[in-house]
């Protein structure tokens, strides 16, 4: 996915998790918390704000909180690697 942080160059990120009002991203370059951002694919875009960033061994993990206008719904867009938790065994 492409992450555009306003005022900084666009960067490719890996979508790790997504929920109705946010997502967790893996980034190779640092993202500043509090920055307005847009996460997009060829099919859909989500606007929001970077709410948390944590450095780890391989880069940065960033959490984006989506704007109420661009909340995620699986009926609108399903990531290729999405797993439905209801299908997992106990």
PDB file of N, CA and C in Angstrom:
ATOM      1  N   UNK A   1       0.845  -1.165   0.000  1.00  0.00           N
ATOM      2  CA  UNK A   1       0.000   0.000   0.000  1.00  0.00           C
ATOM      3  C   UNK A   1       0.891   1.228   0.000  1.00  0.00           C
ATOM      4  N   UNK A   2       0.344   2.298  -0.487  1.00  0.00           N
ATOM      5  CA  UNK A   2       1.070   3.553  -0.549  1.00  0.00           C
ATOM      6  C   UNK A   2       0.598   4.454   0.585  1.00  0.00           C
ATOM      7  N   UNK A   3       1.548   5.001   1.333  1.00  0.00           N
ATOM      8  CA  UNK A   3       1.226   5.914   2.422  1.00  0.00           C
ATOM      9  C   UNK A   3       1.721   7.294   2.046  1.00  0.00           C
ATOM     10  N   UNK A   4       0.820   8.253   1.996  1.00  0.00           N
ATOM     11  CA  UNK A   4       1.174   9.648   1.758  1.00  0.00           C
ATOM     12  C   UNK A   4       0.979  10.398   3.061  1.00  0.00           C
ATOM     13  N   UNK A   5       2.085  10.839   3.640  1.00  0.00           N
ATOM     14  CA  UNK A   5       2.033  11.673   4.838  1.00  0.00           C
ATOM     15  C   UNK A   5       2.197  13.093   4.344  1.00  0.00           C
ATOM     16  N   UNK A   6       1.237  13.921   4.633  1.00  0.00           N
ATOM     17  CA  UNK A   6       1.238  15.273   4.098  1.00  0.00           C
ATOM     18  C   UNK A   6       2.497  16.023   4.531  1.00  0.00           C
ATOM     19  N   UNK A   7       3.198  16.589   3.548  1.00  0.00           N
ATOM     20  CA  UNK A   7       4.438  17.299   3.803  1.00  0.00           C
ATOM     21  C   UNK A   7       5.674  16.423   3.710  1.00  0.00           C
ATOM     22  N   UNK A   8       5.513  15.145   3.359  1.00  0.00           N
ATOM     23  CA  UNK A   8       6.649  14.217   3.246  1.00  0.00           C
ATOM     24  C   UNK A   8       6.479  13.385   1.972  1.00  0.00           C
ATOM     25  N   UNK A   9       7.560  12.762   1.483  1.00  0.00           N
ATOM     26  CA  UNK A   9       7.438  11.923   0.284  1.00  0.00           C
ATOM     27  C   UNK A   9       6.537  10.704   0.520  1.00  0.00           C
ATOM     28  N   UNK A  10       5.856  10.258  -0.529  1.00  0.00           N
ATOM     29  CA  UNK A  10       5.069   9.031  -0.435  1.00  0.00           C
ATOM     30  C   UNK A  10       6.005   7.858  -0.195  1.00  0.00           C
ATOM     31  N   UNK A  11       5.484   6.809   0.442  1.00  0.00           N
ATOM     32  CA  UNK A  11       6.301   5.618   0.712  1.00  0.00           C
ATOM     33  C   UNK A  11       5.418   4.379   0.655  1.00  0.00           C
ATOM     34  N   UNK A  12       6.041   3.263   0.294  1.00  0.00           N
ATOM     35  CA  UNK A  12       5.345   1.977   0.300  1.00  0.00           C
ATOM     36  C   UNK A  12       5.396   1.426   1.707  1.00  0.00           C
ATOM     37  N   UNK A  13       4.275   0.872   2.161  1.00  0.00           N
ATOM     38  CA  UNK A  13       4.184   0.264   3.487  1.00  0.00           C
ATOM     39  C   UNK A  13       3.484  -1.086   3.356  1.00  0.00           C
ATOM     40  N   UNK A  14       3.631  -1.904   4.378  1.00  0.00           N
ATOM     41  CA  UNK A  14       2.954  -3.190   4.433  1.00  0.00           C
ATOM     42  C   UNK A  14       1.800  -3.086   5.417  1.00  0.00           C
ATOM     43  N   UNK A  15       0.623  -3.464   4.971  1.00  0.00           N
ATOM     44  CA  UNK A  15      -0.551  -3.479   5.831  1.00  0.00           C
ATOM     45  C   UNK A  15      -0.498  -4.741   6.683  1.00  0.00           C
ATOM     46  N   UNK A  16      -0.404  -4.585   8.000  1.00  0.00           N
ATOM     47  CA  UNK A  16      -0.345  -5.723   8.912  1.00  0.00           C
ATOM     48  C   UNK A  16      -1.726  -6.075   9.453  1.00  0.00           C
ATOM     49  N   UNK A  17      -2.489  -5.064   9.833  1.00  0.00           N
ATOM     50  CA  UNK A  17      -3.837  -5.261  10.372  1.00  0.00           C
ATOM     51  C   UNK A  17      -4.709  -4.109   9.909  1.00  0.00           C
ATOM     52  N   UNK A  18      -6.010  -4.371   9.805  1.00  0.00           N
ATOM     53  CA  UNK A  18      -6.953  -3.304   9.493  1.00  0.00           C
ATOM     54  C   UNK A  18      -8.238  -3.567  10.267  1.00  0.00           C
ATOM     55  N   UNK A  19      -8.835  -2.519  10.748  1.00  0.00           N
ATOM     56  CA  UNK A  19     -10.109  -2.601  11.448  1.00  0.00           C
ATOM     57  C   UNK A  19     -10.940  -1.405  11.014  1.00  0.00           C
ATOM     58  N   UNK A  20     -12.162  -1.287  11.479  1.00  0.00           N
ATOM     59  CA  UNK A  20     -13.076  -0.282  10.936  1.00  0.00           C
ATOM     60  C   UNK A  20     -12.564   1.146  11.016  1.00  0.00           C
ATOM     61  N   UNK A  21     -11.839   1.514  12.067  1.00  0.00           N
ATOM     62  CA  UNK A  21     -11.398   2.897  12.163  1.00  0.00           C
ATOM     63  C   UNK A  21      -9.886   3.073  12.183  1.00  0.00           C
ATOM     64  N   UNK A  22      -9.145   2.064  11.696  1.00  0.00           N
ATOM     65  CA  UNK A  22      -7.697   2.229  11.660  1.00  0.00           C
ATOM     66  C   UNK A  22      -6.967   1.023  11.110  1.00  0.00           C
ATOM     67  N   UNK A  23      -5.642   1.146  11.125  1.00  0.00           N
ATOM     68  CA  UNK A  23      -4.798   0.071  10.602  1.00  0.00           C
ATOM     69  C   UNK A  23      -3.420   0.141  11.241  1.00  0.00           C
ATOM     70  N   UNK A  24      -2.712  -0.995  11.192  1.00  0.00           N
ATOM     71  CA  UNK A  24      -1.333  -1.088  11.637  1.00  0.00           C
ATOM     72  C   UNK A  24      -0.475  -1.315  10.402  1.00  0.00           C
ATOM     73  N   UNK A  25       0.588  -0.520  10.268  1.00  0.00           N
ATOM     74  CA  UNK A  25       1.443  -0.564   9.084  1.00  0.00           C
ATOM     75  C   UNK A  25       2.882  -0.842   9.481  1.00  0.00           C
ATOM     76  N   UNK A  26       3.604  -1.534   8.617  1.00  0.00           N
ATOM     77  CA  UNK A  26       5.044  -1.701   8.755  1.00  0.00           C
ATOM     78  C   UNK A  26       5.697  -0.774   7.740  1.00  0.00           C
ATOM     79  N   UNK A  27       6.622   0.057   8.212  1.00  0.00           N
ATOM     80  CA  UNK A  27       7.262   1.065   7.364  1.00  0.00           C
ATOM     81  C   UNK A  27       8.778   0.893   7.434  1.00  0.00           C
ATOM     82  N   UNK A  28       9.452   1.100   6.295  1.00  0.00           N
ATOM     83  CA  UNK A  28      10.913   1.045   6.288  1.00  0.00           C
ATOM     84  C   UNK A  28      11.526   2.362   6.736  1.00  0.00           C
ATOM     85  N   UNK A  29      10.779   3.452   6.609  1.00  0.00           N
ATOM     86  CA  UNK A  29      11.264   4.761   7.030  1.00  0.00           C
ATOM     87  C   UNK A  29      10.356   5.320   8.110  1.00  0.00           C
ATOM     88  N   UNK A  30      10.911   6.215   8.911  1.00  0.00           N
ATOM     89  CA  UNK A  30      10.172   6.759  10.043  1.00  0.00           C
ATOM     90  C   UNK A  30       8.977   7.601   9.602  1.00  0.00           C
ATOM     91  N   UNK A  31       7.899   7.486  10.348  1.00  0.00           N
ATOM     92  CA  UNK A  31       6.692   8.284  10.175  1.00  0.00           C
ATOM     93  C   UNK A  31       6.467   9.013  11.497  1.00  0.00           C
ATOM     94  N   UNK A  32       6.115  10.280  11.426  1.00  0.00           N
ATOM     95  CA  UNK A  32       5.943  11.045  12.652  1.00  0.00           C
ATOM     96  C   UNK A  32       4.521  10.938  13.199  1.00  0.00           C
ATOM     97  N   UNK A  33       4.373  10.644  14.490  1.00  0.00           N
ATOM     98  CA  UNK A  33       3.038  10.602  15.083  1.00  0.00           C
ATOM     99  C   UNK A  33       2.389  11.984  15.012  1.00  0.00           C
ATOM    100  N   UNK A  34       1.075  11.995  14.808  1.00  0.00           N
ATOM    101  CA  UNK A  34       0.331  13.237  14.715  1.00  0.00           C
ATOM    102  C   UNK A  34       0.182  13.758  13.303  1.00  0.00           C
ATOM    103  N   UNK A  35       0.900  13.154  12.345  1.00  0.00           N
ATOM    104  CA  UNK A  35       0.856  13.625  10.956  1.00  0.00           C
ATOM    105  C   UNK A  35      -0.445  13.199  10.278  1.00  0.00           C
ATOM    106  N   UNK A  36      -1.018  14.092   9.490  1.00  0.00           N
ATOM    107  CA  UNK A  36      -2.155  13.740   8.643  1.00  0.00           C
ATOM    108  C   UNK A  36      -1.634  12.863   7.510  1.00  0.00           C
ATOM    109  N   UNK A  37      -2.407  11.843   7.136  1.00  0.00           N
ATOM    110  CA  UNK A  37      -1.914  10.884   6.152  1.00  0.00           C
ATOM    111  C   UNK A  37      -3.051  10.306   5.318  1.00  0.00           C
ATOM    112  N   UNK A  38      -2.668   9.700   4.185  1.00  0.00           N
ATOM    113  CA  UNK A  38      -3.618   8.982   3.344  1.00  0.00           C
ATOM    114  C   UNK A  38      -2.985   7.646   2.963  1.00  0.00           C
ATOM    115  N   UNK A  39      -3.716   6.571   3.193  1.00  0.00           N
ATOM    116  CA  UNK A  39      -3.307   5.209   2.863  1.00  0.00           C
ATOM    117  C   UNK A  39      -4.117   4.789   1.652  1.00  0.00           C
ATOM    118  N   UNK A  40      -3.455   4.306   0.584  1.00  0.00           N
ATOM    119  CA  UNK A  40      -4.222   4.004  -0.626  1.00  0.00           C
ATOM    120  C   UNK A  40      -3.703   2.790  -1.377  1.00  0.00           C
ATOM    121  N   UNK A  41      -4.629   2.193  -2.121  1.00  0.00           N
ATOM    122  CA  UNK A  41      -4.353   1.129  -3.084  1.00  0.00           C
ATOM    123  C   UNK A  41      -4.935   1.605  -4.407  1.00  0.00           C
ATOM    124  N   UNK A  42      -4.897   0.749  -5.410  1.00  0.00           N
ATOM    125  CA  UNK A  42      -5.507   1.112  -6.685  1.00  0.00           C
ATOM    126  C   UNK A  42      -7.014   1.276  -6.560  1.00  0.00           C
ATOM    127  N   UNK A  43      -7.634   0.581  -5.596  1.00  0.00           N
ATOM    128  CA  UNK A  43      -9.088   0.549  -5.482  1.00  0.00           C
ATOM    129  C   UNK A  43      -9.693   1.554  -4.504  1.00  0.00           C
ATOM    130  N   UNK A  44      -8.963   1.941  -3.453  1.00  0.00           N
ATOM    131  CA  UNK A  44      -9.593   2.715  -2.370  1.00  0.00           C
ATOM    132  C   UNK A  44      -8.534   3.509  -1.615  1.00  0.00           C
ATOM    133  N   UNK A  45      -8.967   4.575  -0.956  1.00  0.00           N
ATOM    134  CA  UNK A  45      -8.079   5.388  -0.115  1.00  0.00           C
ATOM    135  C   UNK A  45      -8.737   5.634   1.232  1.00  0.00           C
ATOM    136  N   UNK A  46      -7.901   5.763   2.245  1.00  0.00           N
ATOM    137  CA  UNK A  46      -8.339   6.066   3.597  1.00  0.00           C
ATOM    138  C   UNK A  46      -7.539   7.266   4.088  1.00  0.00           C
ATOM    139  N   UNK A  47      -8.213   8.296   4.577  1.00  0.00           N
ATOM    140  CA  UNK A  47      -7.509   9.425   5.159  1.00  0.00           C
ATOM    141  C   UNK A  47      -7.569   9.313   6.665  1.00  0.00           C
ATOM    142  N   UNK A  48      -6.589   9.896   7.329  1.00  0.00           N
ATOM    143  CA  UNK A  48      -6.581   9.840   8.780  1.00  0.00           C
ATOM    144  C   UNK A  48      -5.357  10.498   9.357  1.00  0.00           C
ATOM    145  N   UNK A  49      -4.975  10.028  10.535  1.00  0.00           N
ATOM    146  CA  UNK A  49      -3.845  10.602  11.261  1.00  0.00           C
ATOM    147  C   UNK A  49      -2.997   9.478  11.844  1.00  0.00           C
ATOM    148  N   UNK A  50      -1.693   9.641  11.776  1.00  0.00           N
ATOM    149  CA  UNK A  50      -0.780   8.685  12.404  1.00  0.00           C
ATOM    150  C   UNK A  50      -0.875   8.910  13.913  1.00  0.00           C
ATOM    151  N   UNK A  51      -1.288   7.878  14.642  1.00  0.00           N
ATOM    152  CA  UNK A  51      -1.531   8.049  16.077  1.00  0.00           C
ATOM    153  C   UNK A  51      -0.461   7.411  16.958  1.00  0.00           C
ATOM    154  N   UNK A  52       0.310   6.490  16.421  1.00  0.00           N
ATOM    155  CA  UNK A  52       1.366   5.857  17.218  1.00  0.00           C
ATOM    156  C   UNK A  52       2.445   5.334  16.276  1.00  0.00           C
ATOM    157  N   UNK A  53       3.691   5.440  16.718  1.00  0.00           N
ATOM    158  CA  UNK A  53       4.823   4.939  15.934  1.00  0.00           C
ATOM    159  C   UNK A  53       5.795   4.276  16.902  1.00  0.00           C
ATOM    160  N   UNK A  54       6.286   3.111  16.511  1.00  0.00           N
ATOM    161  CA  UNK A  54       7.253   2.397  17.350  1.00  0.00           C
ATOM    162  C   UNK A  54       8.368   1.851  16.479  1.00  0.00           C
ATOM    163  N   UNK A  55       9.609   2.155  16.839  1.00  0.00           N
ATOM    164  CA  UNK A  55      10.764   1.637  16.107  1.00  0.00           C
ATOM    165  C   UNK A  55      11.026   0.208  16.562  1.00  0.00           C
ATOM    166  N   UNK A  56      11.378  -0.646  15.613  1.00  0.00           N
ATOM    167  CA  UNK A  56      11.763  -2.010  15.950  1.00  0.00           C
ATOM    168  C   UNK A  56      12.940  -2.416  15.064  1.00  0.00           C
ATOM    169  N   UNK A  57      13.341  -3.638  15.151  1.00  0.00           N
ATOM    170  CA  UNK A  57      14.552  -4.131  14.488  1.00  0.00           C
ATOM    171  C   UNK A  57      14.558  -3.912  12.972  1.00  0.00           C
ATOM    172  N   UNK A  58      13.411  -3.994  12.321  1.00  0.00           N
ATOM    173  CA  UNK A  58      13.360  -3.942  10.864  1.00  0.00           C
ATOM    174  C   UNK A  58      12.761  -2.651  10.307  1.00  0.00           C
ATOM    175  N   UNK A  59      12.506  -1.664  11.137  1.00  0.00           N
ATOM    176  CA  UNK A  59      11.928  -0.420  10.661  1.00  0.00           C
ATOM    177  C   UNK A  59      11.011   0.183  11.703  1.00  0.00           C
ATOM    178  N   UNK A  60       9.835   0.601  11.269  1.00  0.00           N
ATOM    179  CA  UNK A  60       8.869   1.248  12.158  1.00  0.00           C
ATOM    180  C   UNK A  60       7.499   0.624  11.983  1.00  0.00           C
ATOM    181  N   UNK A  61       6.774   0.558  13.073  1.00  0.00           N
ATOM    182  CA  UNK A  61       5.382   0.140  13.033  1.00  0.00           C
ATOM    183  C   UNK A  61       4.563   1.395  13.334  1.00  0.00           C
ATOM    184  N   UNK A  62       3.615   1.690  12.460  1.00  0.00           N
ATOM    185  CA  UNK A  62       2.814   2.901  12.622  1.00  0.00           C
ATOM    186  C   UNK A  62       1.337   2.543  12.634  1.00  0.00           C
ATOM    187  N   UNK A  63       0.604   3.210  13.497  1.00  0.00           N
ATOM    188  CA  UNK A  63      -0.841   3.034  13.541  1.00  0.00           C
ATOM    189  C   UNK A  63      -1.488   4.286  12.964  1.00  0.00           C
ATOM    190  N   UNK A  64      -2.440   4.086  12.065  1.00  0.00           N
ATOM    191  CA  UNK A  64      -3.211   5.191  11.507  1.00  0.00           C
ATOM    192  C   UNK A  64      -4.653   5.047  11.964  1.00  0.00           C
ATOM    193  N   UNK A  65      -5.229   6.152  12.429  1.00  0.00           N
ATOM    194  CA  UNK A  65      -6.648   6.192  12.767  1.00  0.00           C
ATOM    195  C   UNK A  65      -7.353   6.878  11.610  1.00  0.00           C
ATOM    196  N   UNK A  66      -8.333   6.182  11.028  1.00  0.00           N
ATOM    197  CA  UNK A  66      -9.039   6.706   9.865  1.00  0.00           C
ATOM    198  C   UNK A  66     -10.023   7.798  10.244  1.00  0.00           C
ATOM    199  N   UNK A  67     -10.231   8.704   9.309  1.00  0.00           N
ATOM    200  CA  UNK A  67     -11.271   9.717   9.442  1.00  0.00           C
ATOM    201  C   UNK A  67     -12.630   9.015   9.462  1.00  0.00           C
ATOM    202  N   UNK A  68     -13.615   9.553  10.179  1.00  0.00           N
ATOM    203  CA  UNK A  68     -14.951   8.957  10.161  1.00  0.00           C
ATOM    204  C   UNK A  68     -15.553   8.888   8.749  1.00  0.00           C
ATOM    205  N   UNK A  69     -15.078   9.731   7.859  1.00  0.00           N
ATOM    206  CA  UNK A  69     -15.579   9.758   6.476  1.00  0.00           C
ATOM    207  C   UNK A  69     -15.041   8.579   5.655  1.00  0.00           C
ATOM    208  N   UNK A  70     -13.864   8.059   6.018  1.00  0.00           N
ATOM    209  CA  UNK A  70     -13.243   6.980   5.224  1.00  0.00           C
ATOM    210  C   UNK A  70     -12.988   5.732   6.059  1.00  0.00           C
ATOM    211  N   UNK A  71     -13.933   5.358   6.873  1.00  0.00           N
ATOM    212  CA  UNK A  71     -13.785   4.130   7.667  1.00  0.00           C
ATOM    213  C   UNK A  71     -13.742   2.909   6.742  1.00  0.00           C
ATOM    214  N   UNK A  72     -13.094   1.847   7.213  1.00  0.00           N
ATOM    215  CA  UNK A  72     -12.961   0.626   6.420  1.00  0.00           C
ATOM    216  C   UNK A  72     -14.159  -0.292   6.649  1.00  0.00           C
ATOM    217  N   UNK A  73     -14.624  -0.872   5.569  1.00  0.00           N
ATOM    218  CA  UNK A  73     -15.661  -1.911   5.606  1.00  0.00           C
ATOM    219  C   UNK A  73     -15.220  -3.011   4.651  1.00  0.00           C
ATOM    220  N   UNK A  74     -15.259  -4.260   5.107  1.00  0.00           N
ATOM    221  CA  UNK A  74     -14.811  -5.376   4.282  1.00  0.00           C
ATOM    222  C   UNK A  74     -15.645  -5.507   3.016  1.00  0.00           C
ATOM    223  N   UNK A  75     -16.883  -5.030   3.053  1.00  0.00           N
ATOM    224  CA  UNK A  75     -17.735  -5.086   1.858  1.00  0.00           C
ATOM    225  C   UNK A  75     -17.230  -4.132   0.769  1.00  0.00           C
ATOM    226  N   UNK A  76     -16.517  -3.085   1.163  1.00  0.00           N
ATOM    227  CA  UNK A  76     -15.983  -2.117   0.188  1.00  0.00           C
ATOM    228  C   UNK A  76     -14.612  -2.529  -0.336  1.00  0.00           C
ATOM    229  N   UNK A  77     -13.775  -3.094   0.534  1.00  0.00           N
ATOM    230  CA  UNK A  77     -12.425  -3.499   0.130  1.00  0.00           C
ATOM    231  C   UNK A  77     -11.913  -4.591   1.055  1.00  0.00           C
ATOM    232  N   UNK A  78     -11.454  -5.673   0.447  1.00  0.00           N
ATOM    233  CA  UNK A  78     -10.913  -6.807   1.201  1.00  0.00           C
ATOM    234  C   UNK A  78      -9.454  -6.995   0.808  1.00  0.00           C
ATOM    235  N   UNK A  79      -8.515  -6.845   1.751  1.00  0.00           N
ATOM    236  CA  UNK A  79      -7.107  -7.091   1.436  1.00  0.00           C
ATOM    237  C   UNK A  79      -6.908  -8.525   0.941  1.00  0.00           C
ATOM    238  N   UNK A  80      -5.986  -8.719   0.012  1.00  0.00           N
ATOM    239  CA  UNK A  80      -5.735 -10.052  -0.550  1.00  0.00           C
ATOM    240  C   UNK A  80      -5.383 -11.071   0.521  1.00  0.00           C
ATOM    241  N   UNK A  81      -4.681 -10.649   1.555  1.00  0.00           N
ATOM    242  CA  UNK A  81      -4.235 -11.577   2.595  1.00  0.00           C
ATOM    243  C   UNK A  81      -5.158 -11.594   3.816  1.00  0.00           C
ATOM    244  N   UNK A  82      -6.377 -11.101   3.673  1.00  0.00           N
ATOM    245  CA  UNK A  82      -7.313 -11.038   4.812  1.00  0.00           C
ATOM    246  C   UNK A  82      -7.711 -12.435   5.275  1.00  0.00           C
ATOM    247  N   UNK A  83      -7.753 -12.599   6.585  1.00  0.00           N
ATOM    248  CA  UNK A  83      -8.200 -13.843   7.208  1.00  0.00           C
ATOM    249  C   UNK A  83      -9.456 -13.522   8.005  1.00  0.00           C
ATOM    250  N   UNK A  84     -10.493 -14.278   7.785  1.00  0.00           N
ATOM    251  CA  UNK A  84     -11.726 -14.102   8.545  1.00  0.00           C
ATOM    252  C   UNK A  84     -11.584 -14.854   9.854  1.00  0.00           C
ATOM    253  N   UNK A  85     -11.538 -14.156  11.003  1.00  0.00           N
ATOM    254  CA  UNK A  85     -11.335 -14.843  12.290  1.00  0.00           C
ATOM    255  C   UNK A  85     -12.404 -15.888  12.578  1.00  0.00           C
ATOM    256  N   UNK A  86     -13.598 -15.758  11.998  1.00  0.00           N
ATOM    257  CA  UNK A  86     -14.657 -16.735  12.254  1.00  0.00           C
ATOM    258  C   UNK A  86     -14.322 -18.108  11.643  1.00  0.00           C
ATOM    259  N   UNK A  87     -13.386 -18.140  10.673  1.00  0.00           N
ATOM    260  CA  UNK A  87     -13.041 -19.404  10.029  1.00  0.00           C
ATOM    261  C   UNK A  87     -11.900 -20.129  10.735  1.00  0.00           C
ATOM    262  N   UNK A  88     -11.286 -19.492  11.729  1.00  0.00           N
ATOM    263  CA  UNK A  88     -10.167 -20.111  12.442  1.00  0.00           C
ATOM    264  C   UNK A  88     -10.685 -21.064  13.507  1.00  0.00           C
ATOM    265  N   UNK A  89     -10.005 -22.183  13.692  1.00  0.00           N
ATOM    266  CA  UNK A  89     -10.379 -23.147  14.734  1.00  0.00           C
ATOM    267  C   UNK A  89     -10.018 -22.633  16.115  1.00  0.00           C
ATOM    268  N   UNK A  90     -10.603 -23.224  17.092  1.00  0.00           N
ATOM    269  CA  UNK A  90     -10.342 -22.807  18.482  1.00  0.00           C
ATOM    270  C   UNK A  90      -9.159 -23.511  19.038  1.00  0.00           C
TER     271      UNK A  90
END
